[in-house]
C-alpha atoms as a PDB file:
ATOM      1  CA  MET A   1       4.286  -0.785 -14.424  1.00  0.00           C
ATOM      2  CA  SER A   2       6.821  -3.519 -13.696  1.00  0.00           C
ATOM      3  CA  PHE A   3       8.438  -1.390 -10.961  1.00  0.00           C
ATOM      4  CA  VAL A   4       5.068  -0.975  -9.278  1.00  0.00           C
ATOM      5  CA  THR A   5       4.240  -4.673  -9.404  1.00  0.00           C
ATOM      6  CA  ARG A   6       7.695  -5.678  -8.148  1.00  0.00           C
ATOM      7  CA  THR A   7       7.526  -3.184  -5.304  1.00  0.00           C
ATOM      8  CA  ASN A   8       4.041  -4.436  -4.420  1.00  0.00           C
ATOM      9  CA  TRP A   9       5.403  -7.990  -4.176  1.00  0.00           C
ATOM     10  CA  VAL A  10       8.096  -6.756  -1.767  1.00  0.00           C
ATOM     11  CA  ILE A  11       5.484  -4.926   0.328  1.00  0.00           C
ATOM     12  CA  ILE A  12       3.312  -8.063   0.399  1.00  0.00           C
ATOM     13  CA  LEU A  13       6.302 -10.157   1.492  1.00  0.00           C
ATOM     14  CA  PHE A  14       7.384  -7.872   4.330  1.00  0.00           C
ATOM     15  CA  THR A  15       3.836  -7.235   5.526  1.00  0.00           C
ATOM     16  CA  SER A  16       3.153 -10.967   5.645  1.00  0.00           C
ATOM     17  CA  LEU A  17       6.392 -11.471   7.580  1.00  0.00           C
ATOM     18  CA  ALA A  18       5.295  -8.795  10.063  1.00  0.00           C
ATOM     19  CA  ILE A  19       1.921 -10.497  10.495  1.00  0.00           C
ATOM     20  CA  LEU A  20       3.650 -13.853  10.944  1.00  0.00           C
ATOM     21  CA  GLY A  21       5.936 -12.268  13.534  1.00  0.00           C
ATOM     22  CA  TYR A  22       2.930 -10.942  15.457  1.00  0.00           C
ATOM     23  CA  TRP A  23       1.430 -14.418  15.424  1.00  0.00           C
ATOM     24  CA  GLN A  24       4.630 -16.153  16.568  1.00  0.00           C
ATOM     25  CA  LEU A  25       5.186 -13.655  19.367  1.00  0.00           C
ATOM     26  CA  GLY A  26       1.635 -14.176  20.583  1.00  0.00           C
ATOM     27  CA  ILE A  27       0.657 -10.552  20.105  1.00  0.00           C
ATOM     28  CA  GLY A  28      -3.101 -10.329  20.159  1.00  0.00           C
ATOM     29  CA  PRO A  29      -5.242  -8.411  17.715  1.00  0.00           C
ATOM     30  CA  ASN A  30      -4.334  -4.846  18.571  1.00  0.00           C
ATOM     31  CA  HIS A  31      -4.547  -1.787  16.346  1.00  0.00           C
ATOM     32  CA  LEU A  32      -1.103  -2.283  14.767  1.00  0.00           C
ATOM     33  CA  VAL A  33      -1.928  -5.850  13.753  1.00  0.00           C
ATOM     34  CA  TRP A  34      -5.186  -4.725  12.158  1.00  0.00           C
ATOM     35  CA  MET A  35      -3.402  -1.951  10.262  1.00  0.00           C
ATOM     36  CA  ASP A  36      -0.891  -4.450   8.883  1.00  0.00           C
ATOM     37  CA  LEU A  37      -3.717  -6.808   7.920  1.00  0.00           C
ATOM     38  CA  VAL A  38      -5.556  -4.041   6.070  1.00  0.00           C
ATOM     39  CA  THR A  39      -2.330  -3.008   4.325  1.00  0.00           C
ATOM     40  CA  PHE A  40      -1.659  -6.627   3.357  1.00  0.00           C
ATOM     41  CA  GLY A  41      -5.152  -7.119   1.950  1.00  0.00           C
ATOM     42  CA  GLY A  42      -5.158  -3.741   0.235  1.00  0.00           C
ATOM     43  CA  VAL A  43      -1.862  -4.295  -1.541  1.00  0.00           C
ATOM     44  CA  ILE A  44      -3.023  -7.763  -2.637  1.00  0.00           C
ATOM     45  CA  ALA A  45      -6.206  -6.229  -4.091  1.00  0.00           C
ATOM     46  CA  LEU A  46      -4.145  -3.535  -5.805  1.00  0.00           C
ATOM     47  CA  GLN A  47      -1.740  -6.117  -7.172  1.00  0.00           C
ATOM     48  CA  ALA A  48      -4.612  -8.192  -8.563  1.00  0.00           C
ATOM     49  CA  ALA A  49      -6.098  -5.113 -10.231  1.00  0.00           C
ATOM     50  CA  LEU A  50      -2.739  -4.248 -11.790  1.00  0.00           C
ATOM     51  CA  LEU A  51      -1.729  -7.738 -12.884  1.00  0.00           C
ATOM     52  CA  PHE A  52      -5.062  -8.686 -14.404  1.00  0.00           C
ATOM     53  CA  LYS A  53      -5.745  -5.131 -15.647  1.00  0.00           C
ATOM     54  CA  LEU A  54      -9.173  -5.109 -14.060  1.00  0.00           C
ATOM     55  CA  ARG A  55     -10.652  -1.946 -15.487  1.00  0.00           C
ATOM     56  CA  SER A  56     -13.630  -2.224 -13.181  1.00  0.00           C
ATOM     57  CA  LEU A  57     -11.326  -1.798 -10.158  1.00  0.00           C
ATOM     58  CA  TYR A  58      -9.514   1.265 -11.527  1.00  0.00           C
ATOM     59  CA  GLY A  59     -11.451   3.818  -9.474  1.00  0.00           C
ATOM     60  CA  PHE A  60     -11.392   1.541  -6.440  1.00  0.00           C
ATOM     61  CA  SER A  61      -7.617   1.226  -6.646  1.00  0.00           C
ATOM     62  CA  LEU A  62      -7.241   5.018  -6.671  1.00  0.00           C
ATOM     63  CA  VAL A  63      -9.274   5.301  -3.472  1.00  0.00           C
ATOM     64  CA  LEU A  64      -7.516   2.273  -1.997  1.00  0.00           C
ATOM     65  CA  LEU A  65      -4.105   3.865  -2.477  1.00  0.00           C
ATOM     66  CA  TYR A  66      -5.122   6.961  -0.498  1.00  0.00           C
ATOM     67  CA  THR A  67      -6.632   4.742   2.192  1.00  0.00           C
ATOM     68  CA  LEU A  68      -3.404   2.769   2.477  1.00  0.00           C
ATOM     69  CA  ALA A  69      -1.399   5.998   2.742  1.00  0.00           C
ATOM     70  CA  LEU A  70      -3.722   7.234   5.507  1.00  0.00           C
ATOM     71  CA  ILE A  71      -3.360   3.949   7.378  1.00  0.00           C
ATOM     72  CA  GLN A  72       0.430   4.269   7.236  1.00  0.00           C
ATOM     73  CA  GLY A  73       0.157   7.836   8.543  1.00  0.00           C
ATOM     74  CA  LEU A  74      -2.047   6.667  11.399  1.00  0.00           C
ATOM     75  CA  LYS A  75       0.456   3.947  12.195  1.00  0.00           C
ATOM     76  CA  ILE A  76       3.205   6.586  12.363  1.00  0.00           C
ATOM     77  CA  MET A  77       1.139   8.762  14.699  1.00  0.00           C
ATOM     78  CA  LEU A  78       0.344   5.843  17.010  1.00  0.00           C
ATOM     79  CA  SER A  79       3.965   4.737  17.215  1.00  0.00           C
ATOM     80  CA  LEU A  80       5.588   8.152  17.773  1.00  0.00           C
ATOM     81  CA  GLY A  81       5.709   7.543  21.511  1.00  0.00           C
ATOM     82  CA  SER A  82       8.003   4.547  21.106  1.00  0.00           C
ATOM     83  CA  LEU A  83      10.859   6.036  19.090  1.00  0.00           C
ATOM     84  CA  ASP A  84      13.441   4.926  21.634  1.00  0.00           C
ATOM     85  CA  SER A  85      15.173   2.282  19.519  1.00  0.00           C
ATOM     86  CA  LEU A  86      16.847   2.072  16.149  1.00  0.00           C
ATOM     87  CA  LEU A  87      14.234  -0.431  14.958  1.00  0.00           C
ATOM     88  CA  ALA A  88      11.460   2.065  15.690  1.00  0.00           C
ATOM     89  CA  VAL A  89      13.261   4.789  13.741  1.00  0.00           C
ATOM     90  CA  VAL A  90      13.782   2.428  10.777  1.00  0.00           C
ATOM     91  CA  SER A  91      10.095   1.513  10.948  1.00  0.00           C
ATOM     92  CA  LEU A  92       9.204   5.210  10.885  1.00  0.00           C
ATOM     93  CA  ILE A  93      11.330   5.747   7.772  1.00  0.00           C
ATOM     94  CA  ILE A  94       9.750   2.722   6.071  1.00  0.00           C
ATOM     95  CA  HIS A  95       6.239   3.995   6.790  1.00  0.00           C
ATOM     96  CA  ILE A  96       7.113   7.437   5.421  1.00  0.00           C
ATOM     97  CA  PHE A  97       8.445   5.738   2.278  1.00  0.00           C
ATOM     98  CA  LEU A  98       5.209   3.755   1.980  1.00  0.00           C
ATOM     99  CA  ILE A  99       3.122   6.925   2.202  1.00  0.00           C
ATOM    100  CA  PHE A 100       5.066   8.548  -0.626  1.00  0.00           C
ATOM    101  CA  TYR A 101       5.000   5.295  -2.610  1.00  0.00           C
ATOM    102  CA  PHE A 102       1.213   4.867  -2.365  1.00  0.00           C
ATOM    103  CA  ILE A 103       0.554   8.476  -3.347  1.00  0.00           C
ATOM    104  CA  GLY A 104       3.087   8.182  -6.180  1.00  0.00           C
ATOM    105  CA  VAL A 105       1.440   5.030  -7.544  1.00  0.00           C
ATOM    106  CA  ARG A 106      -1.903   6.816  -7.471  1.00  0.00           C
ATOM    107  CA  GLY A 107      -0.374   9.666  -9.461  1.00  0.00           C
ATOM    108  CA  TYR A 108       1.077   7.169 -11.923  1.00  0.00           C
ATOM    109  CA  LEU A 109      -2.292   5.475 -12.390  1.00  0.00           C
ATOM    110  CA  ARG A 110      -3.909   8.865 -13.059  1.00  0.00           C
ATOM    111  CA  SER A 111      -1.293   9.721 -15.713  1.00  0.00           C
ATOM    112  CA  ASN A 112      -1.664   8.834 -19.381  1.00  0.00           C
ATOM    113  CA  ARG A 113       0.966   6.079 -19.110  1.00  0.00           C
ATOM    114  CA  GLY A 114      -0.840   4.526 -16.168  1.00  0.00           C
ATOM    115  CA  ARG A 115      -4.201   4.721 -17.911  1.00  0.00           C
ATOM    116  CA  VAL A 116      -2.753   3.017 -20.993  1.00  0.00           C
ATOM    117  CA  ALA A 117      -1.179   0.340 -18.773  1.00  0.00           C
ATOM    118  CA  MET A 118      -4.612  -0.340 -17.269  1.00  0.00           C
ATOM    119  CA  GLY A 119      -6.205  -0.629 -20.716  1.00  0.00           C
ATOM    120  CA  PHE A 120      -7.823   2.794 -21.024  1.00  0.00           C
ATOM    121  CA  SER A 121      -7.278   5.278 -23.801  1.00  0.00           C
ATOM    122  CA  PRO A 122      -4.912   8.072 -22.731  1.00  0.00           C
ATOM    123  CA  ASP A 123      -7.239  10.949 -23.549  1.00  0.00           C
ATOM    124  CA  ALA A 124     -10.410   9.406 -22.120  1.00  0.00           C
ATOM    125  CA  ASP A 125     -12.426  11.132 -19.426  1.00  0.00           C
ATOM    126  CA  SER A 126     -11.475  10.034 -15.900  1.00  0.00           C
ATOM    127  CA  SER A 127     -15.121   9.313 -15.049  1.00  0.00           C
ATOM    128  CA  GLN A 128     -14.958   5.793 -16.519  1.00  0.00           C
END
């Protein structure tokens, strides 16, 4: 669980820096800014659920992780036309990593170790 929380802090840091960069460059609220804002808020909500072991947000965090992965995929699709620089290619690789990371964290939370880390019994029904 510590790897997940540390990685979430890194994602929060870099997403907030991206949002700050949009603001300093004077980029208005376009679709990429909104996607970064949703990712920022979603990872903060996930981090709160993990740190405070909020059992009531367990199901929500599973859905949230898929939503965040879909948002990253949409961001990749919308930025495929601008792969003319090294920065755009690095951004593409980072977004692919984020997709695999979000789906992997969801798989971890569904496993027995993840359920125990969230305060559930390992053999309990997933309908809780």
